[in-house]
C-alpha cells in the first residue's frame, strides 16, 4: 500500500533531524550523510573482532620497563677535551709545516700554487737548523773527549818504549783511548799514561780515581786529559780546565793501571823493586805485570805471586786484588763506580 504524502514528509523530517544532531556532534560525513563513527570503523570492529584498548595498568608496566638514561661516560668527555686541545695546539704547527715544508707538501695538493724560491729558502733553512741541532751536541761531546798534543810523546807497553816525535790526537770513549799519531796509524791503549819526552810529566788520558794513603782516607775522580808533573816529594795534577792539585798516593784507572805519585817499594815474583814517583804498573788478570820505572827501563813478566806496593806512610796496596790497606789495619776496595765518585779536591 503506497504511503501517503504526509507520512513521507514525516520520515524525511526525522532523517534530517538525525543528520543535524550528528553534524552538531561532529560525527557526520557532510558528503554521504553517514556518521563519521561508522566511516572510521576498522575492519576488525566491523567484523565484530574489536581490538581491546590498553588499560592503565598495562601502560604503567610498559613505562616501568623503560630504563632511564645514565650520566655520560667521563672517559669519553676527557677524550673529547684532549682531542680539542690537540687540535688547538696542532693548528699553528700545521701552519708552520705548510710554510717550511711547502716544497714537500705542495706537489700533493690539487689546488696548490707552484713552488716559489721563498718556499725553497724556508725549507733549506729548516733543514739547516735541524742539522745544526743534531750535529752540535755530537760535536761538543766529541770535542770534550778529544785532545791534541803537539809535543813529543812516548809510552811504555809490553816491556817496550814507543815514541812519537810530533805528538798526535787522543780520543776517549768510555775506558778506551784511541791515539792517532801525526805520523802513523791509530792504536788503542787502554789506561796507559803517555809521557812527555822532555821529562815534564805525563798525560793521563782516561777517567781515573786518585787515592790518598794518608790518615784522611780521601779520594776523588780525575778527569780525562789531566796533566801530572813531579814536584819535591809529591806530584801536581792539572785538570783539563786548568785546576791544580798537589797530591801524593796514586792514580787508578779503575781497571789494571796504577800510577804512583810518590816513591814506593814494589814486591812481585820474589823481587823487590824501588820505584820513583810517576812510575806506572799494570797488572792484568793476575797473570802478567808491566812495569815502567819513570826515567828508567820498561819490564814485562809473567806473574807467579801476588803484587804489592808499600808506601812511606805505612799503607800497602794489593795490586792483584785491588785492595788498599791503611797504616792502622783498615782497608778498602779501590774498584768503584766512577760516575758516583766526587771530583778531586784539595
Protein backbone atom coordinates (compact mmCIF):
# COMPACT_ATOMS: atom_id res chain seq x y z
CA UNK A 1 0.00 0.00 0.00
CA UNK A 2 1.51 3.25 -1.06
CA UNK A 3 2.38 5.69 1.69
CA UNK A 4 0.62 8.96 1.92
CA UNK A 5 2.40 12.22 1.30
CA UNK A 6 2.19 13.21 4.96
CA UNK A 7 3.97 10.04 6.05
CA UNK A 8 6.73 10.58 3.50
CA UNK A 9 7.24 14.13 4.72
CA UNK A 10 7.36 12.93 8.34
CA UNK A 11 10.01 10.31 7.59
CA UNK A 12 12.11 12.83 5.65
CA UNK A 13 11.86 15.26 8.53
CA UNK A 14 13.07 12.62 11.00
CA UNK A 15 16.12 11.78 8.86
CA UNK A 16 17.01 15.50 8.61
CA UNK A 17 16.80 15.89 12.40
CA UNK A 18 19.06 12.88 12.98
CA UNK A 19 21.62 14.21 10.45
CA UNK A 20 21.63 17.66 12.05
CA UNK A 21 22.18 16.15 15.52
CA UNK A 22 25.07 14.07 14.18
CA UNK A 23 26.53 17.09 12.42
CA UNK A 24 26.43 19.12 15.63
CA UNK A 25 28.17 16.28 17.50
CA UNK A 26 31.00 16.18 14.80
CA UNK A 27 30.34 12.63 13.73
CA UNK A 28 28.56 13.14 10.45
CA UNK A 29 30.02 12.97 6.99
CA UNK A 30 28.90 16.01 5.04
CA UNK A 31 29.12 14.25 1.71
CA UNK A 32 27.41 10.95 2.40
CA UNK A 33 25.29 11.77 5.35
CA UNK A 34 26.75 8.82 7.28
CA UNK A 35 28.21 9.29 10.68
CA UNK A 36 31.98 9.54 10.92
CA UNK A 37 31.95 6.90 13.59
CA UNK A 38 30.57 4.47 11.09
CA UNK A 39 33.13 5.61 8.47
CA UNK A 40 36.05 5.21 10.89
CA UNK A 41 35.20 1.68 11.88
CA UNK A 42 38.14 -0.63 11.43
CA UNK A 43 37.75 -3.95 9.64
CA UNK A 44 38.17 -5.75 12.96
CA UNK A 45 35.35 -3.69 14.54
CA UNK A 46 33.15 -4.16 11.54
CA UNK A 47 33.62 -7.92 11.72
CA UNK A 48 32.96 -7.94 15.44
CA UNK A 49 36.60 -8.69 16.40
CA UNK A 50 37.35 -5.43 18.15
CA UNK A 51 40.92 -4.86 19.45
CA UNK A 52 40.79 -4.18 23.17
CA UNK A 53 42.31 -0.93 24.35
CA UNK A 54 45.37 -0.95 26.66
CA UNK A 55 44.47 -0.47 30.27
CA UNK A 56 46.21 1.95 32.59
CA UNK A 57 47.86 -0.96 34.38
CA UNK A 58 49.34 -2.31 31.15
CA UNK A 59 50.68 1.09 30.09
CA UNK A 60 52.10 1.57 33.55
CA UNK A 61 54.02 -1.69 33.26
CA UNK A 62 55.45 -0.56 29.93
CA UNK A 63 56.57 2.75 31.38
CA UNK A 64 58.28 1.00 34.28
CA UNK A 65 60.19 -1.26 31.86
CA UNK A 66 61.98 1.76 30.32
CA UNK A 67 65.48 2.17 31.88
CA UNK A 68 66.33 5.81 32.50
CA UNK A 69 69.47 7.08 30.74
CA UNK A 70 72.56 7.34 32.99
CA UNK A 71 75.27 10.01 33.09
CA UNK A 72 77.56 10.13 30.04
CA UNK A 73 80.93 8.34 30.29
CA UNK A 74 83.57 10.65 31.82
CA UNK A 75 86.37 8.98 29.86
CA UNK A 76 84.58 9.94 26.65
CA UNK A 77 84.36 13.56 27.76
CA UNK A 78 88.04 13.56 28.69
CA UNK A 79 89.00 12.11 25.31
CA UNK A 80 86.99 14.81 23.54
CA UNK A 81 88.69 17.52 25.58
CA UNK A 82 92.12 16.11 24.81
CA UNK A 83 91.31 15.98 21.11
CA UNK A 84 90.10 19.56 21.25
CA UNK A 85 93.31 20.71 22.96
CA UNK A 86 95.44 18.80 20.46
CA UNK A 87 93.54 20.41 17.62
CA UNK A 88 94.20 23.86 19.06
CA UNK A 89 97.89 23.07 19.57
CA UNK A 90 98.36 21.45 16.18
CA UNK A 91 96.75 24.29 14.25
CA UNK A 92 99.80 26.63 14.47
CA UNK A 93 102.11 23.64 13.94
CA UNK A 94 100.22 22.86 10.76
CA UNK A 95 100.67 26.44 9.59
CA UNK A 96 104.40 26.23 10.28
CA UNK A 97 104.59 22.93 8.40
CA UNK A 98 102.78 24.45 5.45
CA UNK A 99 105.24 27.36 5.50
CA UNK A 100 108.53 25.48 5.86
CA UNK A 101 107.65 22.25 4.09
CA UNK A 102 105.99 23.77 1.04
CA UNK A 103 108.35 22.08 -1.48
CA UNK A 104 107.37 18.73 0.02
CA UNK A 105 103.66 19.29 0.61
CA UNK A 106 102.59 21.36 -2.39
CA UNK A 107 103.01 18.61 -5.01
CA UNK A 108 100.36 16.57 -3.15
CA UNK A 109 97.75 19.32 -3.20
CA UNK A 110 95.49 19.60 -6.21
CA UNK A 111 94.82 23.32 -5.79
CA UNK A 112 98.27 24.34 -4.52
CA UNK A 113 100.27 27.14 -6.08
CA UNK A 114 103.61 26.47 -7.70
CA UNK A 115 106.72 26.18 -5.53
CA UNK A 116 108.46 29.52 -5.21
CA UNK A 117 112.02 30.50 -4.32
CA UNK A 118 110.76 31.62 -0.93
CA UNK A 119 109.41 28.13 -0.31
CA UNK A 120 112.78 26.60 -1.12
CA UNK A 121 114.62 29.13 1.04
CA UNK A 122 112.45 28.40 4.08
CA UNK A 123 112.70 24.66 3.52
CA UNK A 124 116.51 24.72 3.26
CA UNK A 125 116.71 26.95 6.34
CA UNK A 126 114.66 24.41 8.29
CA UNK A 127 116.95 21.57 7.17
CA UNK A 128 119.99 23.61 8.22
CA UNK A 129 118.53 24.31 11.68
CA UNK A 130 117.71 20.63 12.21
CA UNK A 131 121.17 19.60 11.07
CA UNK A 132 122.88 22.04 13.42
CA UNK A 133 120.64 20.97 16.32
CA UNK A 134 121.63 17.34 15.83
CA UNK A 135 125.29 17.86 14.99
CA UNK A 136 126.13 20.47 17.64
CA UNK A 137 125.66 18.20 20.71
CA UNK A 138 127.59 15.41 18.99
CA UNK A 139 130.40 17.80 18.14
CA UNK A 140 130.51 19.13 21.71
CA UNK A 141 130.72 15.60 23.17
CA UNK A 142 133.45 14.61 20.73
CA UNK A 143 135.39 17.80 21.47
CA UNK A 144 135.25 17.03 25.19
CA UNK A 145 136.63 13.55 24.52
CA UNK A 146 139.38 14.71 22.16
CA UNK A 147 142.80 16.14 22.94
CA UNK A 148 145.56 17.21 20.54
CA UNK A 149 149.18 17.15 21.71
CA UNK A 150 151.94 18.78 19.65
CA UNK A 151 154.85 17.72 21.88
CA UNK A 152 156.87 14.53 21.52
CA UNK A 153 155.36 11.62 23.48
CA UNK A 154 156.35 8.10 24.45
CA UNK A 155 154.51 5.19 26.05
CA UNK A 156 155.57 2.02 27.86
CA UNK A 157 153.74 -1.16 26.86
CA UNK A 158 154.68 -4.85 26.97
CA UNK A 159 158.16 -4.05 28.19
CA UNK A 160 158.99 -1.62 25.35
CA UNK A 161 159.02 2.15 24.87
CA UNK A 162 157.39 3.70 21.78
CA UNK A 163 157.99 7.34 20.84
CA UNK A 164 156.10 9.77 18.58
CA UNK A 165 158.11 12.90 17.89
CA UNK A 166 155.22 15.02 16.53
CA UNK A 167 152.57 14.10 19.07
CA UNK A 168 149.07 13.21 17.92
CA UNK A 169 145.36 13.22 18.72
CA UNK A 170 143.69 11.37 21.59
CA UNK A 171 140.07 10.29 21.53
CA UNK A 172 138.48 8.61 24.55
CA UNK A 173 135.29 6.58 24.57
CA UNK A 174 134.33 5.02 27.90
CA UNK A 175 137.55 3.46 29.21
CA UNK A 176 139.25 3.03 25.83
CA UNK A 177 141.73 5.58 24.46
CA UNK A 178 142.49 5.79 20.75
CA UNK A 179 145.70 7.60 19.88
CA UNK A 180 146.30 8.72 16.32
CA UNK A 181 149.91 9.85 15.84
CA UNK A 182 150.65 12.70 13.47
CA UNK A 183 152.97 10.39 11.52
CA UNK A 184 151.33 6.97 11.91
CA UNK A 185 148.25 4.82 12.24
CA UNK A 186 145.77 4.87 15.13
CA UNK A 187 146.28 2.50 18.03
CA UNK A 188 144.28 1.66 21.14
CA UNK A 189 145.91 1.67 24.57
CA UNK A 190 143.54 1.23 27.49
CA UNK A 191 144.50 3.05 30.67
CA UNK A 192 148.10 3.71 29.62
CA UNK A 193 149.61 7.12 30.53
CA UNK A 194 151.56 8.99 27.82
CA UNK A 195 154.84 10.58 28.93
CA UNK A 196 156.32 13.80 27.54
CA UNK A 197 159.74 13.19 26.05
CA UNK A 198 161.15 16.39 27.60
CA UNK A 199 160.63 14.96 31.11
CA UNK A 200 157.95 17.50 32.12
CA UNK A 201 155.48 14.82 33.22
CA UNK A 202 152.71 12.86 31.55
CA UNK A 203 149.19 12.97 30.13
CA UNK A 204 146.53 10.87 31.89
CA UNK A 205 144.03 10.29 29.03
CA UNK A 206 141.22 8.36 30.77
CA UNK A 207 138.95 8.94 33.71
CA UNK A 208 140.55 7.76 36.91
CA UNK A 209 140.48 7.87 40.70
CA UNK A 210 143.02 9.44 42.99
CA UNK A 211 143.54 7.74 46.36
CA UNK A 212 145.32 9.15 49.38
CA UNK A 213 147.36 6.74 51.52
CA UNK A 214 147.49 9.08 54.50
CA UNK A 215 145.26 9.11 57.59
CA UNK A 216 142.36 11.03 55.99
CA UNK A 217 141.36 8.18 53.58
CA UNK A 218 140.30 10.60 50.84
CA UNK A 219 139.81 10.03 47.14
CA UNK A 220 138.40 11.84 44.10
CA UNK A 221 137.69 11.46 40.40
CA UNK A 222 140.34 12.67 37.94
CA UNK A 223 139.06 13.96 34.61
CA UNK A 224 140.25 12.94 31.18
CA UNK A 225 143.41 14.54 29.72
CA UNK A 226 144.78 15.65 33.09
CA UNK A 227 148.46 16.57 33.24
CA UNK A 228 150.65 15.11 36.01
CA UNK A 229 154.07 16.52 36.88
CA UNK A 230 156.53 15.64 39.65
CA UNK A 231 157.34 18.02 42.49
CA UNK A 232 159.59 17.58 45.54
CA UNK A 233 158.01 14.68 47.46
CA UNK A 234 154.66 14.90 45.65
CA UNK A 235 153.01 15.45 42.27
CA UNK A 236 150.79 18.17 40.77
CA UNK A 237 147.63 17.10 38.95
CA UNK A 238 146.42 19.72 36.45
CA UNK A 239 142.94 19.07 35.06
CA UNK A 240 141.81 19.89 31.53
CA UNK A 241 140.17 23.03 32.98
CA UNK A 242 143.50 24.22 34.42
CA UNK A 243 142.78 23.39 38.08
CA UNK A 244 145.87 22.26 40.01
CA UNK A 245 146.02 19.84 42.94
CA UNK A 246 149.18 18.79 44.77
CA UNK A 247 148.83 15.18 45.84
CA UNK A 248 150.60 12.03 47.00
CA UNK A 249 149.28 8.48 46.84
CA UNK A 250 148.38 7.01 43.45
CA UNK A 251 146.03 7.19 40.45
CA UNK A 252 143.97 4.19 39.37
CA UNK A 253 142.21 3.76 36.01
CA UNK A 254 139.54 1.52 37.62
CA UNK A 255 140.87 -1.47 35.71
CA UNK A 256 144.54 -2.55 35.61
CA UNK A 257 146.79 0.54 35.69
CA UNK A 258 148.35 2.24 38.73
CA UNK A 259 150.33 5.50 38.56
CA UNK A 260 152.28 6.28 41.72
CA UNK A 261 152.53 9.91 42.85
CA UNK A 262 155.32 9.16 45.33
CA UNK A 263 158.12 6.64 45.73
CA UNK A 264 157.03 3.06 46.54
CA UNK A 265 158.61 -0.32 47.05
CA UNK A 266 157.12 -2.94 44.72
CA UNK A 267 157.10 -6.68 45.53
CA UNK A 268 156.38 -9.36 42.91
CA UNK A 269 157.81 -12.77 41.93
CA UNK A 270 160.09 -12.69 44.98
CA UNK A 271 161.53 -9.44 43.63
CA UNK A 272 161.80 -6.12 45.49
CA UNK A 273 161.93 -3.00 43.30
CA UNK A 274 162.12 0.67 44.33
CA UNK A 275 160.08 2.88 42.01
CA UNK A 276 160.22 6.71 41.86
CA UNK A 277 157.14 8.92 41.58
CA UNK A 278 155.34 8.91 38.19
CA UNK A 279 156.20 5.23 37.76
CA UNK A 280 153.45 3.07 36.28
CA UNK A 281 152.50 -0.55 36.95
CA UNK A 282 149.84 -2.58 35.09
CA UNK A 283 148.61 -5.95 36.40
CA UNK A 284 146.34 -7.86 34.00
CA UNK A 285 144.15 -10.68 35.32
CA UNK A 286 146.75 -11.55 37.93
CA UNK A 287 148.83 -13.29 35.24
CA UNK A 288 151.12 -10.64 33.75
CA UNK A 289 152.74 -7.46 35.03
CA UNK A 290 154.09 -4.43 33.13
CA UNK A 291 156.36 -2.01 34.95
CA UNK A 292 157.74 1.33 33.87
CA UNK A 293 160.18 2.90 36.30
CA UNK A 294 159.96 6.61 35.43
CA UNK A 295 163.14 7.66 33.66
CA UNK A 296 164.36 4.05 33.63
CA UNK A 297 163.56 0.76 31.96
CA UNK A 298 160.30 -0.93 30.94
CA UNK A 299 159.60 -4.51 32.07
CA UNK A 300 157.01 -7.18 31.34
CA UNK A 301 156.87 -10.55 33.13
CA UNK A 302 154.62 -13.50 33.88
CA UNK A 303 153.37 -13.43 37.47
CA UNK A 304 153.90 -16.28 39.88
CA UNK A 305 152.96 -14.37 43.05
CA UNK A 306 150.72 -11.53 44.16
CA UNK A 307 151.86 -7.93 43.63
CA UNK A 308 152.03 -5.38 46.47
CA UNK A 309 153.39 -1.84 46.86
CA UNK A 310 154.41 -0.30 50.19
CA UNK A 311 154.19 3.47 50.88
CA UNK A 312 156.24 5.52 53.31
CA UNK A 313 153.08 6.24 55.35
CA UNK A 314 152.80 2.55 56.26
CA UNK A 315 149.95 1.89 53.80
CA UNK A 316 150.12 -1.05 51.43
CA UNK A 317 148.42 -1.61 48.08
CA UNK A 318 147.46 -5.07 46.83
CA UNK A 319 147.61 -4.67 43.05
CA UNK A 320 146.41 -8.23 42.44
CA UNK A 321 143.22 -7.83 44.48
CA UNK A 322 142.65 -4.04 44.12
CA UNK A 323 142.68 -3.52 47.90
CA UNK A 324 144.26 -0.61 49.77
CA UNK A 325 145.41 -1.32 53.35
CA UNK A 326 145.93 1.71 55.58
CA UNK A 327 148.61 2.02 58.27
CA UNK A 328 146.08 1.28 61.06
CA UNK A 329 144.93 -2.03 59.54
CA UNK A 330 141.72 -0.79 57.90
CA UNK A 331 141.25 -1.37 54.20
CA UNK A 332 139.01 -0.57 51.24
CA UNK A 333 138.36 -1.91 47.78
CA UNK A 334 139.53 0.63 45.22
CA UNK A 335 137.37 -0.52 42.30
CA UNK A 336 134.35 1.81 42.15
CA UNK A 337 131.64 3.42 40.01
CA UNK A 338 133.46 6.40 38.53
CA UNK A 339 130.26 8.32 37.84
CA UNK A 340 129.41 8.37 41.56
CA UNK A 341 132.86 9.47 42.75
CA UNK A 342 133.15 13.21 43.51
CA UNK A 343 135.74 15.24 41.63
CA UNK A 344 139.17 15.59 43.14
CA UNK A 345 139.54 18.45 45.65
CA UNK A 346 142.26 19.99 47.77
